[in-house]
């Protein structure tokens, strides 16, 4: 699967570049058309409806088209970048805890417990490892009298 990911990423990158080129060409051509309509309307005095629509309608359609193209381009860019960033984001390495040169493994009962009062018991596993048992004796709700957000 690792070999196909760069190939798929390269194909997706090529599609994104092709779409960007097409969007850029369409935007430039449409802008040139709007410039031609402005020149025809004001400098050549061909009238306000010589191009099928009024100048204001052509400008409004250009704004809508360019806005639509920018929106599609941003969506395509996000679809390309978000999975790539997620894949490349390094995971935080867990800090290893040591006591007196022995590696400490921590286990909490109940597993997702946070807050409150815990008892800690250290159990020697062997000469290189220690188990830290954390047991929640009093939950934060009982301790403070109301539910706490952690």
C-alpha atoms as a PDB file:
ATOM      1  CA  UNK A   1       0.000   0.000   0.000  1.00  0.00           C
ATOM      2  CA  UNK A   2       2.913   2.338   0.637  1.00  0.00           C
ATOM      3  CA  UNK A   3       4.019   2.103  -2.980  1.00  0.00           C
ATOM      4  CA  UNK A   4       0.607   3.077  -4.350  1.00  0.00           C
ATOM      5  CA  UNK A   5       0.198   6.124  -2.075  1.00  0.00           C
ATOM      6  CA  UNK A   6       2.868   8.222  -3.851  1.00  0.00           C
ATOM      7  CA  UNK A   7       1.404   7.214  -7.219  1.00  0.00           C
ATOM      8  CA  UNK A   8      -2.127   8.170  -6.149  1.00  0.00           C
ATOM      9  CA  UNK A   9      -0.828  11.393  -4.626  1.00  0.00           C
ATOM     10  CA  UNK A  10       1.003  12.226  -7.868  1.00  0.00           C
ATOM     11  CA  UNK A  11      -2.149  11.544  -9.916  1.00  0.00           C
ATOM     12  CA  UNK A  12      -4.206  13.732  -7.594  1.00  0.00           C
ATOM     13  CA  UNK A  13      -1.575  16.473  -7.828  1.00  0.00           C
ATOM     14  CA  UNK A  14      -1.642  16.294 -11.632  1.00  0.00           C
ATOM     15  CA  UNK A  15      -5.458  16.536 -11.644  1.00  0.00           C
ATOM     16  CA  UNK A  16      -5.300  19.531  -9.332  1.00  0.00           C
ATOM     17  CA  UNK A  17      -2.726  21.260 -11.539  1.00  0.00           C
ATOM     18  CA  UNK A  18      -4.774  20.549 -14.663  1.00  0.00           C
ATOM     19  CA  UNK A  19      -7.930  21.904 -13.036  1.00  0.00           C
ATOM     20  CA  UNK A  20      -6.032  24.992 -11.885  1.00  0.00           C
ATOM     21  CA  UNK A  21      -4.761  25.618 -15.414  1.00  0.00           C
ATOM     22  CA  UNK A  22      -8.255  25.227 -16.872  1.00  0.00           C
ATOM     23  CA  UNK A  23      -9.748  27.556 -14.263  1.00  0.00           C
ATOM     24  CA  UNK A  24      -7.024  30.123 -14.913  1.00  0.00           C
ATOM     25  CA  UNK A  25      -7.555  30.009 -18.682  1.00  0.00           C
ATOM     26  CA  UNK A  26     -11.342  30.323 -18.307  1.00  0.00           C
ATOM     27  CA  UNK A  27     -10.893  33.276 -15.935  1.00  0.00           C
ATOM     28  CA  UNK A  28      -8.452  35.057 -18.264  1.00  0.00           C
ATOM     29  CA  UNK A  29     -10.665  34.483 -21.322  1.00  0.00           C
ATOM     30  CA  UNK A  30     -13.760  35.677 -19.493  1.00  0.00           C
ATOM     31  CA  UNK A  31     -11.913  38.746 -18.221  1.00  0.00           C
ATOM     32  CA  UNK A  32     -10.780  39.506 -21.789  1.00  0.00           C
ATOM     33  CA  UNK A  33     -14.385  39.173 -22.946  1.00  0.00           C
ATOM     34  CA  UNK A  34     -15.525  41.603 -20.234  1.00  0.00           C
ATOM     35  CA  UNK A  35     -12.782  44.020 -21.330  1.00  0.00           C
ATOM     36  CA  UNK A  36     -13.997  43.690 -24.936  1.00  0.00           C
ATOM     37  CA  UNK A  37     -17.585  44.378 -23.826  1.00  0.00           C
ATOM     38  CA  UNK A  38     -16.436  47.513 -21.938  1.00  0.00           C
ATOM     39  CA  UNK A  39     -14.457  48.725 -24.954  1.00  0.00           C
ATOM     40  CA  UNK A  40     -17.382  48.032 -27.298  1.00  0.00           C
ATOM     41  CA  UNK A  41     -19.868  49.764 -25.025  1.00  0.00           C
ATOM     42  CA  UNK A  42     -17.956  52.919 -24.138  1.00  0.00           C
ATOM     43  CA  UNK A  43     -15.259  53.466 -26.771  1.00  0.00           C
ATOM     44  CA  UNK A  44     -16.793  51.982 -29.911  1.00  0.00           C
ATOM     45  CA  UNK A  45     -20.323  53.066 -28.883  1.00  0.00           C
ATOM     46  CA  UNK A  46     -21.932  49.843 -30.048  1.00  0.00           C
ATOM     47  CA  UNK A  47     -24.713  50.211 -27.487  1.00  0.00           C
ATOM     48  CA  UNK A  48     -25.434  48.648 -24.128  1.00  0.00           C
ATOM     49  CA  UNK A  49     -26.928  45.369 -25.379  1.00  0.00           C
ATOM     50  CA  UNK A  50     -24.638  44.613 -28.312  1.00  0.00           C
ATOM     51  CA  UNK A  51     -23.155  41.525 -26.577  1.00  0.00           C
ATOM     52  CA  UNK A  52     -26.501  39.980 -25.630  1.00  0.00           C
ATOM     53  CA  UNK A  53     -26.466  41.236 -22.042  1.00  0.00           C
ATOM     54  CA  UNK A  54     -25.930  44.651 -20.539  1.00  0.00           C
ATOM     55  CA  UNK A  55     -22.516  45.621 -19.217  1.00  0.00           C
ATOM     56  CA  UNK A  56     -23.719  45.314 -15.630  1.00  0.00           C
ATOM     57  CA  UNK A  57     -25.026  41.805 -16.279  1.00  0.00           C
ATOM     58  CA  UNK A  58     -21.718  40.753 -17.851  1.00  0.00           C
ATOM     59  CA  UNK A  59     -19.767  42.135 -14.893  1.00  0.00           C
ATOM     60  CA  UNK A  60     -22.120  40.433 -12.427  1.00  0.00           C
ATOM     61  CA  UNK A  61     -21.757  37.131 -14.296  1.00  0.00           C
ATOM     62  CA  UNK A  62     -17.955  37.541 -14.207  1.00  0.00           C
ATOM     63  CA  UNK A  63     -18.059  38.073 -10.446  1.00  0.00           C
ATOM     64  CA  UNK A  64     -20.220  34.980  -9.979  1.00  0.00           C
ATOM     65  CA  UNK A  65     -18.032  32.870 -12.306  1.00  0.00           C
ATOM     66  CA  UNK A  66     -14.765  33.927 -10.686  1.00  0.00           C
ATOM     67  CA  UNK A  67     -16.232  33.387  -7.207  1.00  0.00           C
ATOM     68  CA  UNK A  68     -17.417  29.916  -8.214  1.00  0.00           C
ATOM     69  CA  UNK A  69     -14.031  29.061  -9.703  1.00  0.00           C
ATOM     70  CA  UNK A  70     -12.226  30.254  -6.565  1.00  0.00           C
ATOM     71  CA  UNK A  71     -14.558  28.222  -4.351  1.00  0.00           C
ATOM     72  CA  UNK A  72     -14.029  25.066  -6.403  1.00  0.00           C
ATOM     73  CA  UNK A  73     -10.272  25.662  -6.441  1.00  0.00           C
ATOM     74  CA  UNK A  74     -10.139  26.063  -2.654  1.00  0.00           C
ATOM     75  CA  UNK A  75     -12.193  22.882  -2.167  1.00  0.00           C
ATOM     76  CA  UNK A  76      -9.908  20.924  -4.506  1.00  0.00           C
ATOM     77  CA  UNK A  77      -6.829  22.284  -2.754  1.00  0.00           C
ATOM     78  CA  UNK A  78      -8.204  21.328   0.660  1.00  0.00           C
ATOM     79  CA  UNK A  79      -9.101  17.847  -0.585  1.00  0.00           C
ATOM     80  CA  UNK A  80      -5.481  17.474  -1.668  1.00  0.00           C
ATOM     81  CA  UNK A  81      -3.760  19.064   1.325  1.00  0.00           C
ATOM     82  CA  UNK A  82      -5.763  17.828   4.337  1.00  0.00           C
ATOM     83  CA  UNK A  83      -5.076  14.074   3.931  1.00  0.00           C
ATOM     84  CA  UNK A  84      -1.464  14.858   3.057  1.00  0.00           C
ATOM     85  CA  UNK A  85      -1.002  16.998   6.174  1.00  0.00           C
ATOM     86  CA  UNK A  86      -2.693  14.361   8.327  1.00  0.00           C
ATOM     87  CA  UNK A  87      -0.365  11.694   6.939  1.00  0.00           C
ATOM     88  CA  UNK A  88       2.772  13.799   7.398  1.00  0.00           C
ATOM     89  CA  UNK A  89       1.936  15.104  10.873  1.00  0.00           C
ATOM     90  CA  UNK A  90       4.329  13.408  13.252  1.00  0.00           C
ATOM     91  CA  UNK A  91       2.743  11.712  16.188  1.00  0.00           C
ATOM     92  CA  UNK A  92       3.773  12.967  19.576  1.00  0.00           C
ATOM     93  CA  UNK A  93       6.187  10.514  21.073  1.00  0.00           C
ATOM     94  CA  UNK A  94       5.139   9.315  24.472  1.00  0.00           C
ATOM     95  CA  UNK A  95       7.584  10.309  27.140  1.00  0.00           C
ATOM     96  CA  UNK A  96       8.993   7.350  28.909  1.00  0.00           C
ATOM     97  CA  UNK A  97       8.862   7.675  32.654  1.00  0.00           C
ATOM     98  CA  UNK A  98      11.640   6.290  34.818  1.00  0.00           C
ATOM     99  CA  UNK A  99      11.965   5.925  38.593  1.00  0.00           C
ATOM    100  CA  UNK A 100      15.351   4.912  39.989  1.00  0.00           C
ATOM    101  CA  UNK A 101      16.446   3.808  36.518  1.00  0.00           C
ATOM    102  CA  UNK A 102      13.416   1.543  36.036  1.00  0.00           C
ATOM    103  CA  UNK A 103      10.838   2.057  33.288  1.00  0.00           C
ATOM    104  CA  UNK A 104       7.393   2.916  34.696  1.00  0.00           C
ATOM    105  CA  UNK A 105       4.220   1.585  33.078  1.00  0.00           C
ATOM    106  CA  UNK A 106       1.072   3.424  34.213  1.00  0.00           C
ATOM    107  CA  UNK A 107      -2.403   1.890  34.431  1.00  0.00           C
ATOM    108  CA  UNK A 108      -5.430   3.884  35.629  1.00  0.00           C
ATOM    109  CA  UNK A 109      -8.648   2.378  37.007  1.00  0.00           C
ATOM    110  CA  UNK A 110     -11.168   3.334  35.546  1.00  0.00           C
ATOM    111  CA  UNK A 111      -9.237   3.834  32.321  1.00  0.00           C
ATOM    112  CA  UNK A 112     -10.524   7.268  31.234  1.00  0.00           C
ATOM    113  CA  UNK A 113     -10.663   8.754  34.723  1.00  0.00           C
ATOM    114  CA  UNK A 114      -9.442  12.325  35.169  1.00  0.00           C
ATOM    115  CA  UNK A 115      -9.692  14.533  38.184  1.00  0.00           C
ATOM    116  CA  UNK A 116     -10.565  13.544  41.706  1.00  0.00           C
ATOM    117  CA  UNK A 117      -8.325  11.722  44.160  1.00  0.00           C
ATOM    118  CA  UNK A 118      -6.205   8.732  43.138  1.00  0.00           C
ATOM    119  CA  UNK A 119      -4.228   6.185  45.069  1.00  0.00           C
ATOM    120  CA  UNK A 120      -0.874   5.205  43.605  1.00  0.00           C
ATOM    121  CA  UNK A 121       0.613   1.788  44.043  1.00  0.00           C
ATOM    122  CA  UNK A 122       3.962   0.823  42.555  1.00  0.00           C
ATOM    123  CA  UNK A 123       4.515  -2.869  41.776  1.00  0.00           C
ATOM    124  CA  UNK A 124       7.964  -4.155  40.807  1.00  0.00           C
ATOM    125  CA  UNK A 125       7.623  -6.290  37.667  1.00  0.00           C
ATOM    126  CA  UNK A 126      11.314  -7.141  37.252  1.00  0.00           C
ATOM    127  CA  UNK A 127      14.625  -5.356  37.733  1.00  0.00           C
ATOM    128  CA  UNK A 128      13.976  -3.015  34.765  1.00  0.00           C
ATOM    129  CA  UNK A 129      10.219  -2.342  34.969  1.00  0.00           C
ATOM    130  CA  UNK A 130       7.729  -0.966  37.500  1.00  0.00           C
ATOM    131  CA  UNK A 131       3.916  -0.876  37.277  1.00  0.00           C
ATOM    132  CA  UNK A 132       2.143   2.239  38.581  1.00  0.00           C
ATOM    133  CA  UNK A 133      -1.470   1.386  39.446  1.00  0.00           C
ATOM    134  CA  UNK A 134      -3.617   4.511  39.792  1.00  0.00           C
ATOM    135  CA  UNK A 135      -7.021   3.845  41.311  1.00  0.00           C
ATOM    136  CA  UNK A 136      -9.591   6.627  41.433  1.00  0.00           C
ATOM    137  CA  UNK A 137     -10.793   6.677  45.020  1.00  0.00           C
ATOM    138  CA  UNK A 138     -13.025   9.769  44.832  1.00  0.00           C
ATOM    139  CA  UNK A 139     -14.423  11.042  41.496  1.00  0.00           C
ATOM    140  CA  UNK A 140     -14.379  14.818  40.889  1.00  0.00           C
ATOM    141  CA  UNK A 141     -18.212  14.969  41.072  1.00  0.00           C
ATOM    142  CA  UNK A 142     -18.216  13.612  44.627  1.00  0.00           C
ATOM    143  CA  UNK A 143     -15.301  15.778  45.635  1.00  0.00           C
ATOM    144  CA  UNK A 144     -16.723  19.129  44.514  1.00  0.00           C
ATOM    145  CA  UNK A 145     -20.422  18.392  44.840  1.00  0.00           C
ATOM    146  CA  UNK A 146     -21.241  19.169  41.197  1.00  0.00           C
ATOM    147  CA  UNK A 147     -20.117  17.972  37.786  1.00  0.00           C
ATOM    148  CA  UNK A 148     -16.713  19.270  36.674  1.00  0.00           C
ATOM    149  CA  UNK A 149     -15.704  19.731  33.032  1.00  0.00           C
ATOM    150  CA  UNK A 150     -12.167  18.552  32.309  1.00  0.00           C
END
